[in-house]
ModelCIF file with pLDDT and N, C-alpha, C, O atoms, coordinates in Angstrom:
data_MODEL
#
_entry.id   MODEL 
#
_entity.id                         1 
_entity.type                       polymer 
_entity.pdbx_number_of_molecules   1 
#
_entity_poly.entity_id                      1 
_entity_poly.type                           'polypeptide(L)' 
_entity_poly.nstd_linkage                   no 
_entity_poly.nstd_monomer                   no 
_entity_poly.pdbx_seq_one_letter_code       VNLLALGITGTLYRDLYGTAGAALRIPTSAPVMVPLLSRIPVVGAA 
_entity_poly.pdbx_seq_one_letter_code_can   VNLLALGITGTLYRDLYGTAGAALRIPTSAPVMVPLLSRIPVVGAA 
_entity_poly.pdbx_strand_id                 A 
#
loop_
_entity_poly_seq.entity_id 
_entity_poly_seq.num 
_entity_poly_seq.mon_id 
_entity_poly_seq.hetero 
1 1  VAL n 
1 2  ASN n 
1 3  LEU n 
1 4  LEU n 
1 5  ALA n 
1 6  LEU n 
1 7  GLY n 
1 8  ILE n 
1 9  THR n 
1 10 GLY n 
1 11 THR n 
1 12 LEU n 
1 13 TYR n 
1 14 ARG n 
1 15 ASP n 
1 16 LEU n 
1 17 TYR n 
1 18 GLY n 
1 19 THR n 
1 20 ALA n 
1 21 GLY n 
1 22 ALA n 
1 23 ALA n 
1 24 LEU n 
1 25 ARG n 
1 26 ILE n 
1 27 PRO n 
1 28 THR n 
1 29 SER n 
1 30 ALA n 
1 31 PRO n 
1 32 VAL n 
1 33 MET n 
1 34 VAL n 
1 35 PRO n 
1 36 LEU n 
1 37 LEU n 
1 38 SER n 
1 39 ARG n 
1 40 ILE n 
1 41 PRO n 
1 42 VAL n 
1 43 VAL n 
1 44 GLY n 
1 45 ALA n 
1 46 ALA n 
#
_struct_asym.id          A 
_struct_asym.entity_id   1 
#
loop_
_ma_qa_metric.id 
_ma_qa_metric.mode 
_ma_qa_metric.name 
_ma_qa_metric.software_group_id 
_ma_qa_metric.type 
1 global pLDDT . pLDDT 
2 local  pLDDT . pLDDT 
#
_ma_qa_metric_global.metric_id      1 
_ma_qa_metric_global.metric_value   83.11 
_ma_qa_metric_global.model_id       1 
_ma_qa_metric_global.ordinal_id     1 
#
loop_
_ma_qa_metric_local.label_asym_id 
_ma_qa_metric_local.label_comp_id 
_ma_qa_metric_local.label_seq_id 
_ma_qa_metric_local.metric_id 
_ma_qa_metric_local.metric_value 
_ma_qa_metric_local.model_id 
_ma_qa_metric_local.ordinal_id 
A VAL 1  2 97.00 1 1  
A ASN 2  2 96.00 1 2  
A LEU 3  2 96.00 1 3  
A LEU 4  2 96.00 1 4  
A ALA 5  2 96.00 1 5  
A LEU 6  2 95.00 1 6  
A GLY 7  2 94.00 1 7  
A ILE 8  2 95.00 1 8  
A THR 9  2 94.00 1 9  
A GLY 10 2 91.00 1 10 
A THR 11 2 91.00 1 11 
A LEU 12 2 91.00 1 12 
A TYR 13 2 90.00 1 13 
A ARG 14 2 88.00 1 14 
A ASP 15 2 86.00 1 15 
A LEU 16 2 83.00 1 16 
A TYR 17 2 79.00 1 17 
A GLY 18 2 74.00 1 18 
A THR 19 2 65.00 1 19 
A ALA 20 2 58.00 1 20 
A GLY 21 2 54.00 1 21 
A ALA 22 2 51.00 1 22 
A ALA 23 2 51.00 1 23 
A LEU 24 2 62.00 1 24 
A ARG 25 2 69.00 1 25 
A ILE 26 2 81.00 1 26 
A PRO 27 2 82.00 1 27 
A THR 28 2 85.00 1 28 
A SER 29 2 87.00 1 29 
A ALA 30 2 85.00 1 30 
A PRO 31 2 88.00 1 31 
A VAL 32 2 90.00 1 32 
A MET 33 2 90.00 1 33 
A VAL 34 2 89.00 1 34 
A PRO 35 2 88.00 1 35 
A LEU 36 2 85.00 1 36 
A LEU 37 2 84.00 1 37 
A SER 38 2 82.00 1 38 
A ARG 39 2 84.00 1 39 
A ILE 40 2 85.00 1 40 
A PRO 41 2 82.00 1 41 
A VAL 42 2 78.00 1 42 
A VAL 43 2 83.00 1 43 
A GLY 44 2 85.00 1 44 
A ALA 45 2 83.00 1 45 
A ALA 46 2 85.00 1 46 
#
loop_
_atom_site.group_PDB 
_atom_site.id 
_atom_site.type_symbol 
_atom_site.label_atom_id 
_atom_site.label_alt_id 
_atom_site.label_comp_id 
_atom_site.label_asym_id 
_atom_site.label_entity_id 
_atom_site.label_seq_id 
_atom_site.pdbx_PDB_ins_code 
_atom_site.Cartn_x 
_atom_site.Cartn_y 
_atom_site.Cartn_z 
_atom_site.occupancy 
_atom_site.B_iso_or_equiv 
_atom_site.pdbx_formal_charge 
_atom_site.auth_seq_id 
_atom_site.auth_comp_id 
_atom_site.auth_asym_id 
_atom_site.auth_atom_id 
_atom_site.pdbx_PDB_model_num 
ATOM 1   N N  . VAL A 1 1  ? 4.136   -19.432 12.147  1.00 97.00 ? 1  VAL A N  1 
ATOM 2   C CA . VAL A 1 1  ? 3.707   -18.039 12.570  1.00 97.00 ? 1  VAL A CA 1 
ATOM 3   C C  . VAL A 1 1  ? 3.311   -17.573 11.046  1.00 97.00 ? 1  VAL A C  1 
ATOM 4   O O  . VAL A 1 1  ? 2.389   -16.790 10.821  1.00 97.00 ? 1  VAL A O  1 
ATOM 5   N N  . ASN A 1 2  ? 4.093   -18.134 10.083  1.00 96.00 ? 2  ASN A N  1 
ATOM 6   C CA . ASN A 1 2  ? 3.548   -17.350 8.662   1.00 96.00 ? 2  ASN A CA 1 
ATOM 7   C C  . ASN A 1 2  ? 2.288   -18.086 8.457   1.00 96.00 ? 2  ASN A C  1 
ATOM 8   O O  . ASN A 1 2  ? 1.525   -17.321 7.868   1.00 96.00 ? 2  ASN A O  1 
ATOM 9   N N  . LEU A 1 3  ? 1.647   -19.375 8.704   1.00 96.00 ? 3  LEU A N  1 
ATOM 10  C CA . LEU A 1 3  ? 0.861   -19.977 8.583   1.00 96.00 ? 3  LEU A CA 1 
ATOM 11  C C  . LEU A 1 3  ? -0.589  -19.492 9.318   1.00 96.00 ? 3  LEU A C  1 
ATOM 12  O O  . LEU A 1 3  ? -1.749  -19.531 8.907   1.00 96.00 ? 3  LEU A O  1 
ATOM 13  N N  . LEU A 1 4  ? -0.042  -19.052 10.497  1.00 96.00 ? 4  LEU A N  1 
ATOM 14  C CA . LEU A 1 4  ? -0.714  -18.447 11.447  1.00 96.00 ? 4  LEU A CA 1 
ATOM 15  C C  . LEU A 1 4  ? -1.481  -16.949 11.018  1.00 96.00 ? 4  LEU A C  1 
ATOM 16  O O  . LEU A 1 4  ? -2.642  -16.583 11.199  1.00 96.00 ? 4  LEU A O  1 
ATOM 17  N N  . ALA A 1 5  ? -0.214  -16.198 10.319  1.00 96.00 ? 5  ALA A N  1 
ATOM 18  C CA . ALA A 1 5  ? -0.605  -14.860 10.056  1.00 96.00 ? 5  ALA A CA 1 
ATOM 19  C C  . ALA A 1 5  ? -1.475  -15.212 8.658   1.00 96.00 ? 5  ALA A C  1 
ATOM 20  O O  . ALA A 1 5  ? -2.494  -14.543 8.490   1.00 96.00 ? 5  ALA A O  1 
ATOM 21  N N  . LEU A 1 6  ? -1.195  -16.041 7.830   1.00 95.00 ? 6  LEU A N  1 
ATOM 22  C CA . LEU A 1 6  ? -2.118  -15.943 6.695   1.00 95.00 ? 6  LEU A CA 1 
ATOM 23  C C  . LEU A 1 6  ? -3.496  -16.601 6.783   1.00 95.00 ? 6  LEU A C  1 
ATOM 24  O O  . LEU A 1 6  ? -4.244  -16.641 5.806   1.00 95.00 ? 6  LEU A O  1 
ATOM 25  N N  . GLY A 1 7  ? -3.859  -17.185 8.132   1.00 94.00 ? 7  GLY A N  1 
ATOM 26  C CA . GLY A 1 7  ? -5.222  -17.605 8.381   1.00 94.00 ? 7  GLY A CA 1 
ATOM 27  C C  . GLY A 1 7  ? -5.727  -16.517 8.922   1.00 94.00 ? 7  GLY A C  1 
ATOM 28  O O  . GLY A 1 7  ? -6.752  -15.974 8.509   1.00 94.00 ? 7  GLY A O  1 
ATOM 29  N N  . ILE A 1 8  ? -4.941  -16.066 10.024  1.00 95.00 ? 8  ILE A N  1 
ATOM 30  C CA . ILE A 1 8  ? -5.755  -14.715 10.805  1.00 95.00 ? 8  ILE A CA 1 
ATOM 31  C C  . ILE A 1 8  ? -6.014  -13.459 9.815   1.00 95.00 ? 8  ILE A C  1 
ATOM 32  O O  . ILE A 1 8  ? -7.101  -12.896 9.941   1.00 95.00 ? 8  ILE A O  1 
ATOM 33  N N  . THR A 1 9  ? -5.009  -12.917 8.736   1.00 94.00 ? 9  THR A N  1 
ATOM 34  C CA . THR A 1 9  ? -5.647  -12.108 7.892   1.00 94.00 ? 9  THR A CA 1 
ATOM 35  C C  . THR A 1 9  ? -6.650  -12.287 7.003   1.00 94.00 ? 9  THR A C  1 
ATOM 36  O O  . THR A 1 9  ? -7.585  -11.511 6.808   1.00 94.00 ? 9  THR A O  1 
ATOM 37  N N  . GLY A 1 10 ? -6.382  -13.636 6.303   1.00 91.00 ? 10 GLY A N  1 
ATOM 38  C CA . GLY A 1 10 ? -7.354  -13.982 5.538   1.00 91.00 ? 10 GLY A CA 1 
ATOM 39  C C  . GLY A 1 10 ? -8.929  -13.816 6.185   1.00 91.00 ? 10 GLY A C  1 
ATOM 40  O O  . GLY A 1 10 ? -9.785  -13.258 5.498   1.00 91.00 ? 10 GLY A O  1 
ATOM 41  N N  . THR A 1 11 ? -9.178  -14.209 7.217   1.00 91.00 ? 11 THR A N  1 
ATOM 42  C CA . THR A 1 11 ? -10.519 -14.235 8.019   1.00 91.00 ? 11 THR A CA 1 
ATOM 43  C C  . THR A 1 11 ? -10.923 -13.210 8.554   1.00 91.00 ? 11 THR A C  1 
ATOM 44  O O  . THR A 1 11 ? -12.110 -12.883 8.528   1.00 91.00 ? 11 THR A O  1 
ATOM 45  N N  . LEU A 1 12 ? -9.894  -12.453 9.196   1.00 91.00 ? 12 LEU A N  1 
ATOM 46  C CA . LEU A 1 12 ? -10.484 -11.018 9.734   1.00 91.00 ? 12 LEU A CA 1 
ATOM 47  C C  . LEU A 1 12 ? -10.651 -10.321 8.225   1.00 91.00 ? 12 LEU A C  1 
ATOM 48  O O  . LEU A 1 12 ? -11.733 -9.736  8.178   1.00 91.00 ? 12 LEU A O  1 
ATOM 49  N N  . TYR A 1 13 ? -9.915  -10.213 7.007   1.00 90.00 ? 13 TYR A N  1 
ATOM 50  C CA . TYR A 1 13 ? -10.267 -9.467  5.774   1.00 90.00 ? 13 TYR A CA 1 
ATOM 51  C C  . TYR A 1 13 ? -11.462 -9.734  5.565   1.00 90.00 ? 13 TYR A C  1 
ATOM 52  O O  . TYR A 1 13 ? -12.276 -8.812  5.616   1.00 90.00 ? 13 TYR A O  1 
ATOM 53  N N  . ARG A 1 14 ? -11.871 -11.002 5.289   1.00 88.00 ? 14 ARG A N  1 
ATOM 54  C CA . ARG A 1 14 ? -13.186 -11.359 5.113   1.00 88.00 ? 14 ARG A CA 1 
ATOM 55  C C  . ARG A 1 14 ? -14.479 -11.219 5.881   1.00 88.00 ? 14 ARG A C  1 
ATOM 56  O O  . ARG A 1 14 ? -15.606 -11.047 5.418   1.00 88.00 ? 14 ARG A O  1 
ATOM 57  N N  . ASP A 1 15 ? -14.116 -11.321 7.106   1.00 86.00 ? 15 ASP A N  1 
ATOM 58  C CA . ASP A 1 15 ? -15.031 -10.773 8.172   1.00 86.00 ? 15 ASP A CA 1 
ATOM 59  C C  . ASP A 1 15 ? -15.496 -9.404  8.477   1.00 86.00 ? 15 ASP A C  1 
ATOM 60  O O  . ASP A 1 15 ? -16.588 -8.982  8.857   1.00 86.00 ? 15 ASP A O  1 
ATOM 61  N N  . LEU A 1 16 ? -14.160 -8.716  8.159   1.00 83.00 ? 16 LEU A N  1 
ATOM 62  C CA . LEU A 1 16 ? -14.506 -6.917  8.296   1.00 83.00 ? 16 LEU A CA 1 
ATOM 63  C C  . LEU A 1 16 ? -14.719 -6.156  7.027   1.00 83.00 ? 16 LEU A C  1 
ATOM 64  O O  . LEU A 1 16 ? -15.075 -4.979  6.971   1.00 83.00 ? 16 LEU A O  1 
ATOM 65  N N  . TYR A 1 17 ? -14.433 -7.048  5.881   1.00 79.00 ? 17 TYR A N  1 
ATOM 66  C CA . TYR A 1 17 ? -14.243 -5.963  4.894   1.00 79.00 ? 17 TYR A CA 1 
ATOM 67  C C  . TYR A 1 17 ? -15.102 -6.740  3.629   1.00 79.00 ? 17 TYR A C  1 
ATOM 68  O O  . TYR A 1 17 ? -15.462 -6.034  2.687   1.00 79.00 ? 17 TYR A O  1 
ATOM 69  N N  . GLY A 1 18 ? -15.380 -7.993  3.622   1.00 74.00 ? 18 GLY A N  1 
ATOM 70  C CA . GLY A 1 18 ? -15.569 -8.654  2.555   1.00 74.00 ? 18 GLY A CA 1 
ATOM 71  C C  . GLY A 1 18 ? -14.684 -9.001  1.484   1.00 74.00 ? 18 GLY A C  1 
ATOM 72  O O  . GLY A 1 18 ? -13.497 -8.817  1.753   1.00 74.00 ? 18 GLY A O  1 
ATOM 73  N N  . THR A 1 19 ? -14.899 -9.394  0.493   1.00 65.00 ? 19 THR A N  1 
ATOM 74  C CA . THR A 1 19 ? -13.924 -9.698  -0.499  1.00 65.00 ? 19 THR A CA 1 
ATOM 75  C C  . THR A 1 19 ? -13.432 -8.350  -1.263  1.00 65.00 ? 19 THR A C  1 
ATOM 76  O O  . THR A 1 19 ? -12.281 -8.343  -1.702  1.00 65.00 ? 19 THR A O  1 
ATOM 77  N N  . ALA A 1 20 ? -14.057 -7.490  -1.395  1.00 58.00 ? 20 ALA A N  1 
ATOM 78  C CA . ALA A 1 20 ? -13.796 -6.113  -2.480  1.00 58.00 ? 20 ALA A CA 1 
ATOM 79  C C  . ALA A 1 20 ? -14.528 -5.210  -1.649  1.00 58.00 ? 20 ALA A C  1 
ATOM 80  O O  . ALA A 1 20 ? -15.497 -4.669  -2.181  1.00 58.00 ? 20 ALA A O  1 
ATOM 81  N N  . GLY A 1 21 ? -14.233 -4.886  -0.266  1.00 54.00 ? 21 GLY A N  1 
ATOM 82  C CA . GLY A 1 21 ? -14.875 -3.579  0.468   1.00 54.00 ? 21 GLY A CA 1 
ATOM 83  C C  . GLY A 1 21 ? -13.928 -2.673  0.712   1.00 54.00 ? 21 GLY A C  1 
ATOM 84  O O  . GLY A 1 21 ? -12.992 -2.473  -0.062  1.00 54.00 ? 21 GLY A O  1 
ATOM 85  N N  . ALA A 1 22 ? -14.096 -2.068  1.789   1.00 51.00 ? 22 ALA A N  1 
ATOM 86  C CA . ALA A 1 22 ? -13.397 -0.466  1.953   1.00 51.00 ? 22 ALA A CA 1 
ATOM 87  C C  . ALA A 1 22 ? -11.625 -0.782  1.636   1.00 51.00 ? 22 ALA A C  1 
ATOM 88  O O  . ALA A 1 22 ? -10.909 0.219   1.639   1.00 51.00 ? 22 ALA A O  1 
ATOM 89  N N  . ALA A 1 23 ? -11.000 -2.063  1.390   1.00 51.00 ? 23 ALA A N  1 
ATOM 90  C CA . ALA A 1 23 ? -9.547  -2.073  1.148   1.00 51.00 ? 23 ALA A CA 1 
ATOM 91  C C  . ALA A 1 23 ? -9.269  -1.464  -0.108  1.00 51.00 ? 23 ALA A C  1 
ATOM 92  O O  . ALA A 1 23 ? -8.136  -1.049  -0.355  1.00 51.00 ? 23 ALA A O  1 
ATOM 93  N N  . LEU A 1 24 ? -10.532 -1.346  -1.207  1.00 62.00 ? 24 LEU A N  1 
ATOM 94  C CA . LEU A 1 24 ? -10.123 -0.503  -2.159  1.00 62.00 ? 24 LEU A CA 1 
ATOM 95  C C  . LEU A 1 24 ? -10.494 1.023   -2.477  1.00 62.00 ? 24 LEU A C  1 
ATOM 96  O O  . LEU A 1 24 ? -10.472 1.676   -3.520  1.00 62.00 ? 24 LEU A O  1 
ATOM 97  N N  . ARG A 1 25 ? -10.863 1.344   -1.081  1.00 69.00 ? 25 ARG A N  1 
ATOM 98  C CA . ARG A 1 25 ? -10.945 2.699   -0.994  1.00 69.00 ? 25 ARG A CA 1 
ATOM 99  C C  . ARG A 1 25 ? -10.212 3.305   0.005   1.00 69.00 ? 25 ARG A C  1 
ATOM 100 O O  . ARG A 1 25 ? -10.656 4.240   0.671   1.00 69.00 ? 25 ARG A O  1 
ATOM 101 N N  . ILE A 1 26 ? -8.942  2.751   0.171   1.00 81.00 ? 26 ILE A N  1 
ATOM 102 C CA . ILE A 1 26 ? -8.382  3.403   1.808   1.00 81.00 ? 26 ILE A CA 1 
ATOM 103 C C  . ILE A 1 26 ? -6.953  4.287   0.711   1.00 81.00 ? 26 ILE A C  1 
ATOM 104 O O  . ILE A 1 26 ? -6.389  3.987   -0.342  1.00 81.00 ? 26 ILE A O  1 
ATOM 105 N N  . PRO A 1 27 ? -6.847  5.534   1.759   1.00 82.00 ? 27 PRO A N  1 
ATOM 106 C CA . PRO A 1 27 ? -5.999  6.181   0.875   1.00 82.00 ? 27 PRO A CA 1 
ATOM 107 C C  . PRO A 1 27 ? -4.510  6.041   0.945   1.00 82.00 ? 27 PRO A C  1 
ATOM 108 O O  . PRO A 1 27 ? -4.036  5.118   1.607   1.00 82.00 ? 27 PRO A O  1 
ATOM 109 N N  . THR A 1 28 ? -3.794  6.825   0.359   1.00 85.00 ? 28 THR A N  1 
ATOM 110 C CA . THR A 1 28 ? -2.231  6.123   -0.074  1.00 85.00 ? 28 THR A CA 1 
ATOM 111 C C  . THR A 1 28 ? -1.551  7.328   0.294   1.00 85.00 ? 28 THR A C  1 
ATOM 112 O O  . THR A 1 28 ? -2.185  8.324   0.642   1.00 85.00 ? 28 THR A O  1 
ATOM 113 N N  . SER A 1 29 ? 0.274   7.287   0.216   1.00 87.00 ? 29 SER A N  1 
ATOM 114 C CA . SER A 1 29 ? 1.007   8.414   0.278   1.00 87.00 ? 29 SER A CA 1 
ATOM 115 C C  . SER A 1 29 ? 1.453   8.590   -1.147  1.00 87.00 ? 29 SER A C  1 
ATOM 116 O O  . SER A 1 29 ? 2.091   7.816   -1.861  1.00 87.00 ? 29 SER A O  1 
ATOM 117 N N  . ALA A 1 30 ? 0.948   9.840   -1.408  1.00 85.00 ? 30 ALA A N  1 
ATOM 118 C CA . ALA A 1 30 ? 1.387   10.458  -2.703  1.00 85.00 ? 30 ALA A CA 1 
ATOM 119 C C  . ALA A 1 30 ? 3.069   10.680  -2.758  1.00 85.00 ? 30 ALA A C  1 
ATOM 120 O O  . ALA A 1 30 ? 3.684   11.106  -1.781  1.00 85.00 ? 30 ALA A O  1 
ATOM 121 N N  . PRO A 1 31 ? 3.706   10.340  -4.011  1.00 88.00 ? 31 PRO A N  1 
ATOM 122 C CA . PRO A 1 31 ? 5.036   10.936  -3.802  1.00 88.00 ? 31 PRO A CA 1 
ATOM 123 C C  . PRO A 1 31 ? 5.395   12.245  -3.444  1.00 88.00 ? 31 PRO A C  1 
ATOM 124 O O  . PRO A 1 31 ? 4.566   13.143  -3.592  1.00 88.00 ? 31 PRO A O  1 
ATOM 125 N N  . VAL A 1 32 ? 6.539   12.488  -2.983  1.00 90.00 ? 32 VAL A N  1 
ATOM 126 C CA . VAL A 1 32 ? 6.766   13.713  -2.717  1.00 90.00 ? 32 VAL A CA 1 
ATOM 127 C C  . VAL A 1 32 ? 8.258   14.215  -3.468  1.00 90.00 ? 32 VAL A C  1 
ATOM 128 O O  . VAL A 1 32 ? 9.288   13.607  -3.175  1.00 90.00 ? 32 VAL A O  1 
ATOM 129 N N  . MET A 1 33 ? 8.285   15.075  -4.205  1.00 90.00 ? 33 MET A N  1 
ATOM 130 C CA . MET A 1 33 ? 9.226   15.789  -5.082  1.00 90.00 ? 33 MET A CA 1 
ATOM 131 C C  . MET A 1 33 ? 10.100  16.652  -4.026  1.00 90.00 ? 33 MET A C  1 
ATOM 132 O O  . MET A 1 33 ? 9.735   17.502  -3.213  1.00 90.00 ? 33 MET A O  1 
ATOM 133 N N  . VAL A 1 34 ? 11.743  15.987  -4.409  1.00 89.00 ? 34 VAL A N  1 
ATOM 134 C CA . VAL A 1 34 ? 12.500  16.614  -3.631  1.00 89.00 ? 34 VAL A CA 1 
ATOM 135 C C  . VAL A 1 34 ? 12.943  17.813  -4.561  1.00 89.00 ? 34 VAL A C  1 
ATOM 136 O O  . VAL A 1 34 ? 13.249  17.588  -5.732  1.00 89.00 ? 34 VAL A O  1 
ATOM 137 N N  . PRO A 1 35 ? 12.979  19.270  -3.959  1.00 88.00 ? 35 PRO A N  1 
ATOM 138 C CA . PRO A 1 35 ? 13.519  20.396  -5.067  1.00 88.00 ? 35 PRO A CA 1 
ATOM 139 C C  . PRO A 1 35 ? 14.983  20.160  -5.794  1.00 88.00 ? 35 PRO A C  1 
ATOM 140 O O  . PRO A 1 35 ? 15.999  19.849  -5.171  1.00 88.00 ? 35 PRO A O  1 
ATOM 141 N N  . LEU A 1 36 ? 14.939  20.293  -6.726  1.00 85.00 ? 36 LEU A N  1 
ATOM 142 C CA . LEU A 1 36 ? 16.596  20.374  -7.567  1.00 85.00 ? 36 LEU A CA 1 
ATOM 143 C C  . LEU A 1 36 ? 16.510  18.895  -7.670  1.00 85.00 ? 36 LEU A C  1 
ATOM 144 O O  . LEU A 1 36 ? 16.264  18.343  -8.743  1.00 85.00 ? 36 LEU A O  1 
ATOM 145 N N  . LEU A 1 37 ? 16.694  18.305  -6.655  1.00 84.00 ? 37 LEU A N  1 
ATOM 146 C CA . LEU A 1 37 ? 17.327  16.636  -6.910  1.00 84.00 ? 37 LEU A CA 1 
ATOM 147 C C  . LEU A 1 37 ? 16.301  15.993  -7.868  1.00 84.00 ? 37 LEU A C  1 
ATOM 148 O O  . LEU A 1 37 ? 16.835  15.321  -8.751  1.00 84.00 ? 37 LEU A O  1 
ATOM 149 N N  . SER A 1 38 ? 14.966  16.041  -7.901  1.00 82.00 ? 38 SER A N  1 
ATOM 150 C CA . SER A 1 38 ? 14.028  15.493  -8.323  1.00 82.00 ? 38 SER A CA 1 
ATOM 151 C C  . SER A 1 38 ? 14.283  15.558  -10.043 1.00 82.00 ? 38 SER A C  1 
ATOM 152 O O  . SER A 1 38 ? 13.964  14.646  -10.806 1.00 82.00 ? 38 SER A O  1 
ATOM 153 N N  . ARG A 1 39 ? 14.837  16.664  -10.398 1.00 84.00 ? 39 ARG A N  1 
ATOM 154 C CA . ARG A 1 39 ? 15.027  17.170  -11.746 1.00 84.00 ? 39 ARG A CA 1 
ATOM 155 C C  . ARG A 1 39 ? 16.169  16.665  -12.416 1.00 84.00 ? 39 ARG A C  1 
ATOM 156 O O  . ARG A 1 39 ? 16.306  16.868  -13.623 1.00 84.00 ? 39 ARG A O  1 
ATOM 157 N N  . ILE A 1 40 ? 17.044  15.994  -11.725 1.00 85.00 ? 40 ILE A N  1 
ATOM 158 C CA . ILE A 1 40 ? 18.036  15.252  -12.160 1.00 85.00 ? 40 ILE A CA 1 
ATOM 159 C C  . ILE A 1 40 ? 17.738  14.469  -13.556 1.00 85.00 ? 40 ILE A C  1 
ATOM 160 O O  . ILE A 1 40 ? 16.632  13.969  -13.762 1.00 85.00 ? 40 ILE A O  1 
ATOM 161 N N  . PRO A 1 41 ? 18.530  14.415  -14.260 1.00 82.00 ? 41 PRO A N  1 
ATOM 162 C CA . PRO A 1 41 ? 18.135  13.513  -15.652 1.00 82.00 ? 41 PRO A CA 1 
ATOM 163 C C  . PRO A 1 41 ? 18.029  12.044  -15.245 1.00 82.00 ? 41 PRO A C  1 
ATOM 164 O O  . PRO A 1 41 ? 18.681  11.524  -14.340 1.00 82.00 ? 41 PRO A O  1 
ATOM 165 N N  . VAL A 1 42 ? 17.316  11.563  -15.863 1.00 78.00 ? 42 VAL A N  1 
ATOM 166 C CA . VAL A 1 42 ? 17.139  10.059  -15.592 1.00 78.00 ? 42 VAL A CA 1 
ATOM 167 C C  . VAL A 1 42 ? 16.690  9.405   -13.986 1.00 78.00 ? 42 VAL A C  1 
ATOM 168 O O  . VAL A 1 42 ? 15.720  8.770   -13.571 1.00 78.00 ? 42 VAL A O  1 
ATOM 169 N N  . VAL A 1 43 ? 17.799  9.873   -13.444 1.00 83.00 ? 43 VAL A N  1 
ATOM 170 C CA . VAL A 1 43 ? 18.006  9.136   -11.840 1.00 83.00 ? 43 VAL A CA 1 
ATOM 171 C C  . VAL A 1 43 ? 17.099  9.972   -11.074 1.00 83.00 ? 43 VAL A C  1 
ATOM 172 O O  . VAL A 1 43 ? 16.598  9.442   -10.082 1.00 83.00 ? 43 VAL A O  1 
ATOM 173 N N  . GLY A 1 44 ? 16.738  11.368  -11.379 1.00 85.00 ? 44 GLY A N  1 
ATOM 174 C CA . GLY A 1 44 ? 16.049  12.365  -10.384 1.00 85.00 ? 44 GLY A CA 1 
ATOM 175 C C  . GLY A 1 44 ? 14.668  11.870  -10.047 1.00 85.00 ? 44 GLY A C  1 
ATOM 176 O O  . GLY A 1 44 ? 14.309  11.901  -8.870  1.00 85.00 ? 44 GLY A O  1 
ATOM 177 N N  . ALA A 1 45 ? 14.106  11.553  -10.703 1.00 83.00 ? 45 ALA A N  1 
ATOM 178 C CA . ALA A 1 45 ? 12.726  11.448  -10.664 1.00 83.00 ? 45 ALA A CA 1 
ATOM 179 C C  . ALA A 1 45 ? 12.838  9.888   -9.743  1.00 83.00 ? 45 ALA A C  1 
ATOM 180 O O  . ALA A 1 45 ? 12.232  9.665   -8.694  1.00 83.00 ? 45 ALA A O  1 
ATOM 181 N N  . ALA A 1 46 ? 13.585  9.119   -10.310 1.00 85.00 ? 46 ALA A N  1 
ATOM 182 C CA . ALA A 1 46 ? 13.812  7.672   -9.670  1.00 85.00 ? 46 ALA A CA 1 
ATOM 183 C C  . ALA A 1 46 ? 14.379  7.565   -7.935  1.00 85.00 ? 46 ALA A C  1 
ATOM 184 O O  . ALA A 1 46 ? 14.564  6.466   -7.413  1.00 85.00 ? 46 ALA A O  1 
#
């Protein structure tokens, strides 16, 4: 299954997106600050 997944994803990626296509422009989820808790020194932001 690991070998199959490696082959399928690699093939589909090259066929659909090329080597540096849409994958470089996909949206991502931004960090969400929890009120008060995120302000705890040192560990809050982490």
